[in-house]
Amino acid sequence: MARKKKNYEKYRKKNPEKEKRNKTFTIIIAAILVVMVLAQIGLIQERRRLEAEKTKIEKQISKEEERTKELKKTKKYMTTDEYIEKVAREKFGLFYPDEYVLEEE
């Protein structure tokens, strides 16, 4: 059993080459972690920017949908006889034959 102990102690001796490899490995792992954290931060910022842009675009869509509704109402009104009569009176000065027109002096 003493022999096994000697062999084990042999491996426990400090190996400068192995320590150098361990330090290098640790530095590489730390550098990779730093790069990953920085990339994650960039992705988080990009996601926030895109969410803000999405909200802005959704508001624009909502405004445009309201505008579309108003334009449809206006289009429908412009096809009515009431609108046609109003334009004929205002722009062209047309009146019904049995109407009297009073003008201001």
PDB file of N, CA and C in Angstrom:
ATOM      1  N   MET A   1       0.821  -1.174   0.000  1.00  0.00           N
ATOM      2  CA  MET A   1       0.000   0.000   0.000  1.00  0.00           C
ATOM      3  C   MET A   1       0.881   1.260   0.000  1.00  0.00           C
ATOM      4  N   ALA A   2       2.025   1.170   0.541  1.00  0.00           N
ATOM      5  CA  ALA A   2       2.931   2.306   0.566  1.00  0.00           C
ATOM      6  C   ALA A   2       3.351   2.677  -0.835  1.00  0.00           C
ATOM      7  N   ARG A   3       3.439   1.682  -1.645  1.00  0.00           N
ATOM      8  CA  ARG A   3       3.831   1.927  -3.020  1.00  0.00           C
ATOM      9  C   ARG A   3       2.796   2.798  -3.737  1.00  0.00           C
ATOM     10  N   LYS A   4       1.535   2.544  -3.517  1.00  0.00           N
ATOM     11  CA  LYS A   4       0.483   3.350  -4.125  1.00  0.00           C
ATOM     12  C   LYS A   4       0.571   4.785  -3.647  1.00  0.00           C
ATOM     13  N   LYS A   5       0.906   4.962  -2.396  1.00  0.00           N
ATOM     14  CA  LYS A   5       1.020   6.301  -1.856  1.00  0.00           C
ATOM     15  C   LYS A   5       2.126   7.072  -2.550  1.00  0.00           C
ATOM     16  N   LYS A   6       3.246   6.417  -2.793  1.00  0.00           N
ATOM     17  CA  LYS A   6       4.360   7.071  -3.475  1.00  0.00           C
ATOM     18  C   LYS A   6       3.961   7.476  -4.890  1.00  0.00           C
ATOM     19  N   ASN A   7       3.273   6.601  -5.566  1.00  0.00           N
ATOM     20  CA  ASN A   7       2.833   6.922  -6.917  1.00  0.00           C
ATOM     21  C   ASN A   7       1.861   8.097  -6.900  1.00  0.00           C
ATOM     22  N   TYR A   8       0.984   8.149  -5.908  1.00  0.00           N
ATOM     23  CA  TYR A   8       0.015   9.240  -5.797  1.00  0.00           C
ATOM     24  C   TYR A   8       0.736  10.544  -5.506  1.00  0.00           C
ATOM     25  N   GLU A   9       1.715  10.507  -4.633  1.00  0.00           N
ATOM     26  CA  GLU A   9       2.488  11.715  -4.316  1.00  0.00           C
ATOM     27  C   GLU A   9       3.244  12.208  -5.528  1.00  0.00           C
ATOM     28  N   LYS A  10       3.655  11.314  -6.355  1.00  0.00           N
ATOM     29  CA  LYS A  10       4.370  11.675  -7.577  1.00  0.00           C
ATOM     30  C   LYS A  10       3.488  12.558  -8.465  1.00  0.00           C
ATOM     31  N   TYR A  11       2.226  12.207  -8.539  1.00  0.00           N
ATOM     32  CA  TYR A  11       1.307  12.984  -9.362  1.00  0.00           C
ATOM     33  C   TYR A  11       0.883  14.288  -8.708  1.00  0.00           C
ATOM     34  N   ARG A  12       1.020  14.355  -7.393  1.00  0.00           N
ATOM     35  CA  ARG A  12       0.624  15.563  -6.681  1.00  0.00           C
ATOM     36  C   ARG A  12       1.667  16.661  -6.784  1.00  0.00           C
ATOM     37  N   LYS A  13       2.840  16.341  -7.233  1.00  0.00           N
ATOM     38  CA  LYS A  13       3.875  17.358  -7.357  1.00  0.00           C
ATOM     39  C   LYS A  13       3.390  18.440  -8.310  1.00  0.00           C
ATOM     40  N   LYS A  14       3.767  19.654  -8.009  1.00  0.00           N
ATOM     41  CA  LYS A  14       3.342  20.770  -8.850  1.00  0.00           C
ATOM     42  C   LYS A  14       4.023  20.694 -10.201  1.00  0.00           C
ATOM     43  N   ASN A  15       3.212  20.786 -11.193  1.00  0.00           N
ATOM     44  CA  ASN A  15       3.689  20.738 -12.561  1.00  0.00           C
ATOM     45  C   ASN A  15       3.493  22.127 -13.155  1.00  0.00           C
ATOM     46  N   PRO A  16       4.565  22.889 -13.356  1.00  0.00           N
ATOM     47  CA  PRO A  16       4.419  24.262 -13.861  1.00  0.00           C
ATOM     48  C   PRO A  16       3.748  24.312 -15.235  1.00  0.00           C
ATOM     49  N   GLU A  17       3.990  23.331 -16.028  1.00  0.00           N
ATOM     50  CA  GLU A  17       3.382  23.293 -17.352  1.00  0.00           C
ATOM     51  C   GLU A  17       1.868  23.129 -17.244  1.00  0.00           C
ATOM     52  N   LYS A  18       1.442  22.256 -16.347  1.00  0.00           N
ATOM     53  CA  LYS A  18       0.024  22.029 -16.130  1.00  0.00           C
ATOM     54  C   LYS A  18      -0.639  23.268 -15.538  1.00  0.00           C
ATOM     55  N   GLU A  19       0.018  23.948 -14.623  1.00  0.00           N
ATOM     56  CA  GLU A  19      -0.526  25.178 -14.031  1.00  0.00           C
ATOM     57  C   GLU A  19      -0.685  26.262 -15.093  1.00  0.00           C
ATOM     58  N   LYS A  20       0.277  26.341 -15.994  1.00  0.00           N
ATOM     59  CA  LYS A  20       0.214  27.334 -17.064  1.00  0.00           C
ATOM     60  C   LYS A  20      -0.985  27.040 -17.978  1.00  0.00           C
ATOM     61  N   ARG A  21      -1.203  25.757 -18.294  1.00  0.00           N
ATOM     62  CA  ARG A  21      -2.341  25.367 -19.105  1.00  0.00           C
ATOM     63  C   ARG A  21      -3.653  25.708 -18.408  1.00  0.00           C
ATOM     64  N   ASN A  22      -3.716  25.453 -17.103  1.00  0.00           N
ATOM     65  CA  ASN A  22      -4.927  25.762 -16.341  1.00  0.00           C
ATOM     66  C   ASN A  22      -5.220  27.262 -16.345  1.00  0.00           C
ATOM     67  N   LYS A  23      -4.192  28.087 -16.169  1.00  0.00           N
ATOM     68  CA  LYS A  23      -4.379  29.543 -16.179  1.00  0.00           C
ATOM     69  C   LYS A  23      -4.851  30.010 -17.558  1.00  0.00           C
ATOM     70  N   THR A  24      -4.236  29.469 -18.589  1.00  0.00           N
ATOM     71  CA  THR A  24      -4.623  29.837 -19.952  1.00  0.00           C
ATOM     72  C   THR A  24      -6.078  29.442 -20.213  1.00  0.00           C
ATOM     73  N   PHE A  25      -6.432  28.244 -19.813  1.00  0.00           N
ATOM     74  CA  PHE A  25      -7.800  27.761 -19.976  1.00  0.00           C
ATOM     75  C   PHE A  25      -8.781  28.657 -19.221  1.00  0.00           C
ATOM     76  N   THR A  26      -8.433  29.041 -18.009  1.00  0.00           N
ATOM     77  CA  THR A  26      -9.292  29.910 -17.203  1.00  0.00           C
ATOM     78  C   THR A  26      -9.460  31.271 -17.868  1.00  0.00           C
ATOM     79  N   ILE A  27      -8.390  31.810 -18.400  1.00  0.00           N
ATOM     80  CA  ILE A  27      -8.456  33.120 -19.076  1.00  0.00           C
ATOM     81  C   ILE A  27      -9.331  33.022 -20.319  1.00  0.00           C
ATOM     82  N   ILE A  28      -9.181  31.950 -21.067  1.00  0.00           N
ATOM     83  CA  ILE A  28      -9.996  31.778 -22.276  1.00  0.00           C
ATOM     84  C   ILE A  28     -11.474  31.663 -21.916  1.00  0.00           C
ATOM     85  N   ILE A  29     -11.791  30.877 -20.910  1.00  0.00           N
ATOM     86  CA  ILE A  29     -13.188  30.721 -20.472  1.00  0.00           C
ATOM     87  C   ILE A  29     -13.738  32.064 -19.992  1.00  0.00           C
ATOM     88  N   ALA A  30     -12.955  32.815 -19.229  1.00  0.00           N
ATOM     89  CA  ALA A  30     -13.406  34.125 -18.746  1.00  0.00           C
ATOM     90  C   ALA A  30     -13.654  35.076 -19.910  1.00  0.00           C
ATOM     91  N   ALA A  31     -12.768  35.062 -20.909  1.00  0.00           N
ATOM     92  CA  ALA A  31     -12.940  35.929 -22.073  1.00  0.00           C
ATOM     93  C   ALA A  31     -14.212  35.555 -22.836  1.00  0.00           C
ATOM     94  N   ILE A  32     -14.453  34.271 -22.989  1.00  0.00           N
ATOM     95  CA  ILE A  32     -15.662  33.825 -23.676  1.00  0.00           C
ATOM     96  C   ILE A  32     -16.903  34.279 -22.911  1.00  0.00           C
ATOM     97  N   LEU A  33     -16.876  34.165 -21.598  1.00  0.00           N
ATOM     98  CA  LEU A  33     -18.013  34.598 -20.788  1.00  0.00           C
ATOM     99  C   LEU A  33     -18.258  36.096 -20.928  1.00  0.00           C
ATOM    100  N   VAL A  34     -17.180  36.885 -20.926  1.00  0.00           N
ATOM    101  CA  VAL A  34     -17.316  38.341 -21.070  1.00  0.00           C
ATOM    102  C   VAL A  34     -17.946  38.671 -22.425  1.00  0.00           C
ATOM    103  N   VAL A  35     -17.472  38.010 -23.473  1.00  0.00           N
ATOM    104  CA  VAL A  35     -18.019  38.253 -24.811  1.00  0.00           C
ATOM    105  C   VAL A  35     -19.498  37.876 -24.857  1.00  0.00           C
ATOM    106  N   MET A  36     -19.854  36.764 -24.246  1.00  0.00           N
ATOM    107  CA  MET A  36     -21.251  36.335 -24.239  1.00  0.00           C
ATOM    108  C   MET A  36     -22.132  37.317 -23.476  1.00  0.00           C
ATOM    109  N   VAL A  37     -21.655  37.825 -22.352  1.00  0.00           N
ATOM    110  CA  VAL A  37     -22.431  38.795 -21.569  1.00  0.00           C
ATOM    111  C   VAL A  37     -22.620  40.085 -22.371  1.00  0.00           C
ATOM    112  N   LEU A  38     -21.545  40.559 -23.020  1.00  0.00           N
ATOM    113  CA  LEU A  38     -21.657  41.774 -23.825  1.00  0.00           C
ATOM    114  C   LEU A  38     -22.624  41.577 -24.996  1.00  0.00           C
ATOM    115  N   ALA A  39     -22.580  40.421 -25.614  1.00  0.00           N
ATOM    116  CA  ALA A  39     -23.508  40.142 -26.718  1.00  0.00           C
ATOM    117  C   ALA A  39     -24.947  40.108 -26.207  1.00  0.00           C
ATOM    118  N   GLN A  40     -25.147  39.530 -25.049  1.00  0.00           N
ATOM    119  CA  GLN A  40     -26.498  39.458 -24.467  1.00  0.00           C
ATOM    120  C   GLN A  40     -27.023  40.857 -24.160  1.00  0.00           C
ATOM    121  N   ILE A  41     -26.161  41.716 -23.635  1.00  0.00           N
ATOM    122  CA  ILE A  41     -26.563  43.102 -23.342  1.00  0.00           C
ATOM    123  C   ILE A  41     -26.981  43.801 -24.633  1.00  0.00           C
ATOM    124  N   GLY A  42     -26.205  43.599 -25.695  1.00  0.00           N
ATOM    125  CA  GLY A  42     -26.552  44.194 -26.985  1.00  0.00           C
ATOM    126  C   GLY A  42     -27.889  43.693 -27.496  1.00  0.00           C
ATOM    127  N   LEU A  43     -28.143  42.410 -27.331  1.00  0.00           N
ATOM    128  CA  LEU A  43     -29.413  41.841 -27.775  1.00  0.00           C
ATOM    129  C   LEU A  43     -30.585  42.385 -26.969  1.00  0.00           C
ATOM    130  N   ILE A  44     -30.390  42.569 -25.687  1.00  0.00           N
ATOM    131  CA  ILE A  44     -31.451  43.125 -24.836  1.00  0.00           C
ATOM    132  C   ILE A  44     -31.782  44.549 -25.272  1.00  0.00           C
ATOM    133  N   GLN A  45     -30.745  45.349 -25.542  1.00  0.00           N
ATOM    134  CA  GLN A  45     -30.972  46.720 -25.993  1.00  0.00           C
ATOM    135  C   GLN A  45     -31.692  46.738 -27.340  1.00  0.00           C
ATOM    136  N   GLU A  46     -31.296  45.860 -28.247  1.00  0.00           N
ATOM    137  CA  GLU A  46     -31.937  45.788 -29.556  1.00  0.00           C
ATOM    138  C   GLU A  46     -33.403  45.378 -29.411  1.00  0.00           C
ATOM    139  N   ARG A  47     -33.674  44.440 -28.519  1.00  0.00           N
ATOM    140  CA  ARG A  47     -35.053  44.007 -28.301  1.00  0.00           C
ATOM    141  C   ARG A  47     -35.901  45.158 -27.777  1.00  0.00           C
ATOM    142  N   ARG A  48     -35.375  45.928 -26.836  1.00  0.00           N
ATOM    143  CA  ARG A  48     -36.123  47.080 -26.304  1.00  0.00           C
ATOM    144  C   ARG A  48     -36.402  48.098 -27.393  1.00  0.00           C
ATOM    145  N   ARG A  49     -35.399  48.352 -28.250  1.00  0.00           N
ATOM    146  CA  ARG A  49     -35.569  49.313 -29.332  1.00  0.00           C
ATOM    147  C   ARG A  49     -36.657  48.828 -30.296  1.00  0.00           C
ATOM    148  N   LEU A  50     -36.624  47.546 -30.621  1.00  0.00           N
ATOM    149  CA  LEU A  50     -37.621  46.998 -31.536  1.00  0.00           C
ATOM    150  C   LEU A  50     -39.024  47.001 -30.935  1.00  0.00           C
ATOM    151  N   GLU A  51     -39.130  46.752 -29.633  1.00  0.00           N
ATOM    152  CA  GLU A  51     -40.444  46.804 -28.981  1.00  0.00           C
ATOM    153  C   GLU A  51     -41.002  48.222 -28.994  1.00  0.00           C
ATOM    154  N   ALA A  52     -40.126  49.221 -28.767  1.00  0.00           N
ATOM    155  CA  ALA A  52     -40.568  50.615 -28.821  1.00  0.00           C
ATOM    156  C   ALA A  52     -41.022  50.972 -30.235  1.00  0.00           C
ATOM    157  N   GLU A  53     -40.280  50.515 -31.225  1.00  0.00           N
ATOM    158  CA  GLU A  53     -40.650  50.771 -32.613  1.00  0.00           C
ATOM    159  C   GLU A  53     -41.975  50.084 -32.958  1.00  0.00           C
ATOM    160  N   LYS A  54     -42.166  48.878 -32.442  1.00  0.00           N
ATOM    161  CA  LYS A  54     -43.412  48.139 -32.685  1.00  0.00           C
ATOM    162  C   LYS A  54     -44.594  48.904 -32.104  1.00  0.00           C
ATOM    163  N   THR A  55     -44.432  49.421 -30.888  1.00  0.00           N
ATOM    164  CA  THR A  55     -45.502  50.194 -30.248  1.00  0.00           C
ATOM    165  C   THR A  55     -45.825  51.437 -31.069  1.00  0.00           C
ATOM    166  N   LYS A  56     -44.792  52.104 -31.541  1.00  0.00           N
ATOM    167  CA  LYS A  56     -44.983  53.313 -32.349  1.00  0.00           C
ATOM    168  C   LYS A  56     -45.743  52.985 -33.641  1.00  0.00           C
ATOM    169  N   ILE A  57     -45.371  51.901 -34.286  1.00  0.00           N
ATOM    170  CA  ILE A  57     -46.022  51.505 -35.533  1.00  0.00           C
ATOM    171  C   ILE A  57     -47.470  51.092 -35.275  1.00  0.00           C
ATOM    172  N   GLU A  58     -47.726  50.405 -34.165  1.00  0.00           N
ATOM    173  CA  GLU A  58     -49.099  50.025 -33.830  1.00  0.00           C
ATOM    174  C   GLU A  58     -49.969  51.254 -33.619  1.00  0.00           C
ATOM    175  N   LYS A  59     -49.415  52.300 -32.994  1.00  0.00           N
ATOM    176  CA  LYS A  59     -50.166  53.546 -32.821  1.00  0.00           C
ATOM    177  C   LYS A  59     -50.458  54.190 -34.174  1.00  0.00           C
ATOM    178  N   GLN A  60     -49.462  54.167 -35.072  1.00  0.00           N
ATOM    179  CA  GLN A  60     -49.671  54.729 -36.403  1.00  0.00           C
ATOM    180  C   GLN A  60     -50.764  53.961 -37.145  1.00  0.00           C
ATOM    181  N   ILE A  61     -50.750  52.652 -37.014  1.00  0.00           N
ATOM    182  CA  ILE A  61     -51.774  51.827 -37.667  1.00  0.00           C
ATOM    183  C   ILE A  61     -53.154  52.189 -37.135  1.00  0.00           C
ATOM    184  N   SER A  62     -53.248  52.362 -35.829  1.00  0.00           N
ATOM    185  CA  SER A  62     -54.525  52.721 -35.220  1.00  0.00           C
ATOM    186  C   SER A  62     -55.020  54.071 -35.752  1.00  0.00           C
ATOM    187  N   LYS A  63     -54.118  55.050 -35.836  1.00  0.00           N
ATOM    188  CA  LYS A  63     -54.490  56.367 -36.360  1.00  0.00           C
ATOM    189  C   LYS A  63     -54.951  56.267 -37.814  1.00  0.00           C
ATOM    190  N   GLU A  64     -54.236  55.485 -38.601  1.00  0.00           N
ATOM    191  CA  GLU A  64     -54.590  55.343 -40.008  1.00  0.00           C
ATOM    192  C   GLU A  64     -55.926  54.615 -40.182  1.00  0.00           C
ATOM    193  N   GLU A  65     -56.217  53.668 -39.303  1.00  0.00           N
ATOM    194  CA  GLU A  65     -57.515  52.989 -39.369  1.00  0.00           C
ATOM    195  C   GLU A  65     -58.640  53.970 -39.058  1.00  0.00           C
ATOM    196  N   GLU A  66     -58.434  54.849 -38.082  1.00  0.00           N
ATOM    197  CA  GLU A  66     -59.434  55.878 -37.779  1.00  0.00           C
ATOM    198  C   GLU A  66     -59.610  56.816 -38.966  1.00  0.00           C
ATOM    199  N   ARG A  67     -58.496  57.188 -39.575  1.00  0.00           N
ATOM    200  CA  ARG A  67     -58.543  58.081 -40.733  1.00  0.00           C
ATOM    201  C   ARG A  67     -59.302  57.408 -41.881  1.00  0.00           C
ATOM    202  N   THR A  68     -59.069  56.128 -42.067  1.00  0.00           N
ATOM    203  CA  THR A  68     -59.763  55.378 -43.109  1.00  0.00           C
ATOM    204  C   THR A  68     -61.262  55.375 -42.865  1.00  0.00           C
ATOM    205  N   LYS A  69     -61.664  55.193 -41.605  1.00  0.00           N
ATOM    206  CA  LYS A  69     -63.086  55.222 -41.277  1.00  0.00           C
ATOM    207  C   LYS A  69     -63.691  56.580 -41.621  1.00  0.00           C
ATOM    208  N   GLU A  70     -62.977  57.646 -41.270  1.00  0.00           N
ATOM    209  CA  GLU A  70     -63.472  58.991 -41.567  1.00  0.00           C
ATOM    210  C   GLU A  70     -63.578  59.217 -43.074  1.00  0.00           C
ATOM    211  N   LEU A  71     -62.579  58.746 -43.809  1.00  0.00           N
ATOM    212  CA  LEU A  71     -62.620  58.913 -45.265  1.00  0.00           C
ATOM    213  C   LEU A  71     -63.780  58.128 -45.884  1.00  0.00           C
ATOM    214  N   LYS A  72     -64.058  56.962 -45.362  1.00  0.00           N
ATOM    215  CA  LYS A  72     -65.187  56.177 -45.864  1.00  0.00           C
ATOM    216  C   LYS A  72     -66.506  56.888 -45.593  1.00  0.00           C
ATOM    217  N   LYS A  73     -66.617  57.507 -44.381  1.00  0.00           N
ATOM    218  CA  LYS A  73     -67.824  58.278 -44.071  1.00  0.00           C
ATOM    219  C   LYS A  73     -67.970  59.440 -45.038  1.00  0.00           C
ATOM    220  N   THR A  74     -66.865  60.141 -45.286  1.00  0.00           N
ATOM    221  CA  THR A  74     -66.890  61.288 -46.191  1.00  0.00           C
ATOM    222  C   THR A  74     -67.265  60.849 -47.603  1.00  0.00           C
ATOM    223  N   LYS A  75     -66.702  59.745 -48.037  1.00  0.00           N
ATOM    224  CA  LYS A  75     -67.006  59.227 -49.375  1.00  0.00           C
ATOM    225  C   LYS A  75     -68.492  58.875 -49.487  1.00  0.00           C
ATOM    226  N   LYS A  76     -69.010  58.253 -48.457  1.00  0.00           N
ATOM    227  CA  LYS A  76     -70.423  57.888 -48.467  1.00  0.00           C
ATOM    228  C   LYS A  76     -71.301  59.147 -48.493  1.00  0.00           C
ATOM    229  N   TYR A  77     -70.925  60.169 -47.710  1.00  0.00           N
ATOM    230  CA  TYR A  77     -71.677  61.425 -47.675  1.00  0.00           C
ATOM    231  C   TYR A  77     -71.630  62.115 -49.035  1.00  0.00           C
ATOM    232  N   MET A  78     -70.495  62.047 -49.707  1.00  0.00           N
ATOM    233  CA  MET A  78     -70.346  62.732 -50.989  1.00  0.00           C
ATOM    234  C   MET A  78     -71.199  62.106 -52.088  1.00  0.00           C
ATOM    235  N   THR A  79     -71.706  60.926 -51.875  1.00  0.00           N
ATOM    236  CA  THR A  79     -72.576  60.302 -52.881  1.00  0.00           C
ATOM    237  C   THR A  79     -74.056  60.571 -52.607  1.00  0.00           C
ATOM    238  N   THR A  80     -74.354  61.284 -51.528  1.00  0.00           N
ATOM    239  CA  THR A  80     -75.755  61.555 -51.202  1.00  0.00           C
ATOM    240  C   THR A  80     -76.264  62.771 -51.979  1.00  0.00           C
ATOM    241  N   ASP A  81     -77.571  62.843 -52.123  1.00  0.00           N
ATOM    242  CA  ASP A  81     -78.193  63.990 -52.800  1.00  0.00           C
ATOM    243  C   ASP A  81     -77.984  65.268 -51.996  1.00  0.00           C
ATOM    244  N   GLU A  82     -77.971  65.144 -50.694  1.00  0.00           N
ATOM    245  CA  GLU A  82     -77.771  66.308 -49.830  1.00  0.00           C
ATOM    246  C   GLU A  82     -76.443  67.001 -50.141  1.00  0.00           C
ATOM    247  N   TYR A  83     -75.389  66.228 -50.296  1.00  0.00           N
ATOM    248  CA  TYR A  83     -74.077  66.809 -50.594  1.00  0.00           C
ATOM    249  C   TYR A  83     -74.059  67.432 -51.988  1.00  0.00           C
ATOM    250  N   ILE A  84     -74.610  66.729 -52.934  1.00  0.00           N
ATOM    251  CA  ILE A  84     -74.628  67.234 -54.315  1.00  0.00           C
ATOM    252  C   ILE A  84     -75.389  68.554 -54.389  1.00  0.00           C
ATOM    253  N   GLU A  85     -76.506  68.626 -53.693  1.00  0.00           N
ATOM    254  CA  GLU A  85     -77.291  69.863 -53.657  1.00  0.00           C
ATOM    255  C   GLU A  85     -76.499  70.991 -53.001  1.00  0.00           C
ATOM    256  N   LYS A  86     -75.829  70.693 -51.924  1.00  0.00           N
ATOM    257  CA  LYS A  86     -75.026  71.697 -51.204  1.00  0.00           C
ATOM    258  C   LYS A  86     -73.931  72.263 -52.103  1.00  0.00           C
ATOM    259  N   VAL A  87     -73.221  71.396 -52.805  1.00  0.00           N
ATOM    260  CA  VAL A  87     -72.146  71.851 -53.699  1.00  0.00           C
ATOM    261  C   VAL A  87     -72.717  72.664 -54.846  1.00  0.00           C
ATOM    262  N   ALA A  88     -73.836  72.241 -55.392  1.00  0.00           N
ATOM    263  CA  ALA A  88     -74.460  72.975 -56.497  1.00  0.00           C
ATOM    264  C   ALA A  88     -74.851  74.382 -56.055  1.00  0.00           C
ATOM    265  N   ARG A  89     -75.354  74.520 -54.849  1.00  0.00           N
ATOM    266  CA  ARG A  89     -75.743  75.837 -54.346  1.00  0.00           C
ATOM    267  C   ARG A  89     -74.514  76.705 -54.054  1.00  0.00           C
ATOM    268  N   GLU A  90     -73.526  76.135 -53.378  1.00  0.00           N
ATOM    269  CA  GLU A  90     -72.372  76.934 -52.939  1.00  0.00           C
ATOM    270  C   GLU A  90     -71.420  77.286 -54.078  1.00  0.00           C
ATOM    271  N   LYS A  91     -71.062  76.330 -54.878  1.00  0.00           N
ATOM    272  CA  LYS A  91     -70.032  76.567 -55.883  1.00  0.00           C
ATOM    273  C   LYS A  91     -70.583  77.086 -57.208  1.00  0.00           C
ATOM    274  N   PHE A  92     -71.740  76.598 -57.582  1.00  0.00           N
ATOM    275  CA  PHE A  92     -72.250  76.950 -58.902  1.00  0.00           C
ATOM    276  C   PHE A  92     -73.418  77.931 -58.852  1.00  0.00           C
ATOM    277  N   GLY A  93     -73.914  78.255 -57.659  1.00  0.00           N
ATOM    278  CA  GLY A  93     -75.017  79.205 -57.537  1.00  0.00           C
ATOM    279  C   GLY A  93     -76.318  78.688 -58.126  1.00  0.00           C
ATOM    280  N   LEU A  94     -76.514  77.409 -58.145  1.00  0.00           N
ATOM    281  CA  LEU A  94     -77.733  76.826 -58.698  1.00  0.00           C
ATOM    282  C   LEU A  94     -78.813  76.719 -57.619  1.00  0.00           C
ATOM    283  N   PHE A  95     -80.070  76.907 -58.051  1.00  0.00           N
ATOM    284  CA  PHE A  95     -81.197  76.824 -57.130  1.00  0.00           C
ATOM    285  C   PHE A  95     -82.350  76.147 -57.845  1.00  0.00           C
ATOM    286  N   TYR A  96     -83.325  75.720 -57.067  1.00  0.00           N
ATOM    287  CA  TYR A  96     -84.532  75.135 -57.664  1.00  0.00           C
ATOM    288  C   TYR A  96     -85.321  76.245 -58.356  1.00  0.00           C
ATOM    289  N   PRO A  97     -86.071  75.912 -59.398  1.00  0.00           N
ATOM    290  CA  PRO A  97     -86.807  76.935 -60.160  1.00  0.00           C
ATOM    291  C   PRO A  97     -87.812  77.710 -59.325  1.00  0.00           C
ATOM    292  N   ASP A  98     -88.404  77.125 -58.301  1.00  0.00           N
ATOM    293  CA  ASP A  98     -89.421  77.840 -57.529  1.00  0.00           C
ATOM    294  C   ASP A  98     -88.849  78.549 -56.304  1.00  0.00           C
ATOM    295  N   GLU A  99     -87.504  78.628 -56.184  1.00  0.00           N
ATOM    296  CA  GLU A  99     -86.882  79.304 -55.046  1.00  0.00           C
ATOM    297  C   GLU A  99     -86.567  80.742 -55.363  1.00  0.00           C
ATOM    298  N   TYR A 100     -86.606  81.560 -54.322  1.00  0.00           N
ATOM    299  CA  TYR A 100     -86.215  82.965 -54.465  1.00  0.00           C
ATOM    300  C   TYR A 100     -84.885  83.138 -53.743  1.00  0.00           C
ATOM    301  N   VAL A 101     -83.996  83.824 -54.377  1.00  0.00           N
ATOM    302  CA  VAL A 101     -82.675  84.036 -53.814  1.00  0.00           C
ATOM    303  C   VAL A 101     -82.559  85.492 -53.380  1.00  0.00           C
ATOM    304  N   LEU A 102     -82.184  85.673 -52.121  1.00  0.00           N
ATOM    305  CA  LEU A 102     -81.970  87.008 -51.612  1.00  0.00           C
ATOM    306  C   LEU A 102     -80.460  87.220 -51.467  1.00  0.00           C
ATOM    307  N   GLU A 103     -79.987  88.274 -52.065  1.00  0.00           N
ATOM    308  CA  GLU A 103     -78.563  88.571 -51.993  1.00  0.00           C
ATOM    309  C   GLU A 103     -78.339  89.793 -51.111  1.00  0.00           C
ATOM    310  N   GLU A 104     -77.248  89.782 -50.400  1.00  0.00           N
ATOM    311  CA  GLU A 104     -76.899  90.925 -49.577  1.00  0.00           C
ATOM    312  C   GLU A 104     -76.278  91.990 -50.444  1.00  0.00           C
ATOM    313  N   GLU A 105     -76.517  93.247 -50.072  1.00  0.00           N
ATOM    314  CA  GLU A 105     -75.939  94.337 -50.847  1.00  0.00           C
ATOM    315  C   GLU A 105     -74.702  94.857 -50.216  1.00  0.00           C
TER     316      GLU A 105
END
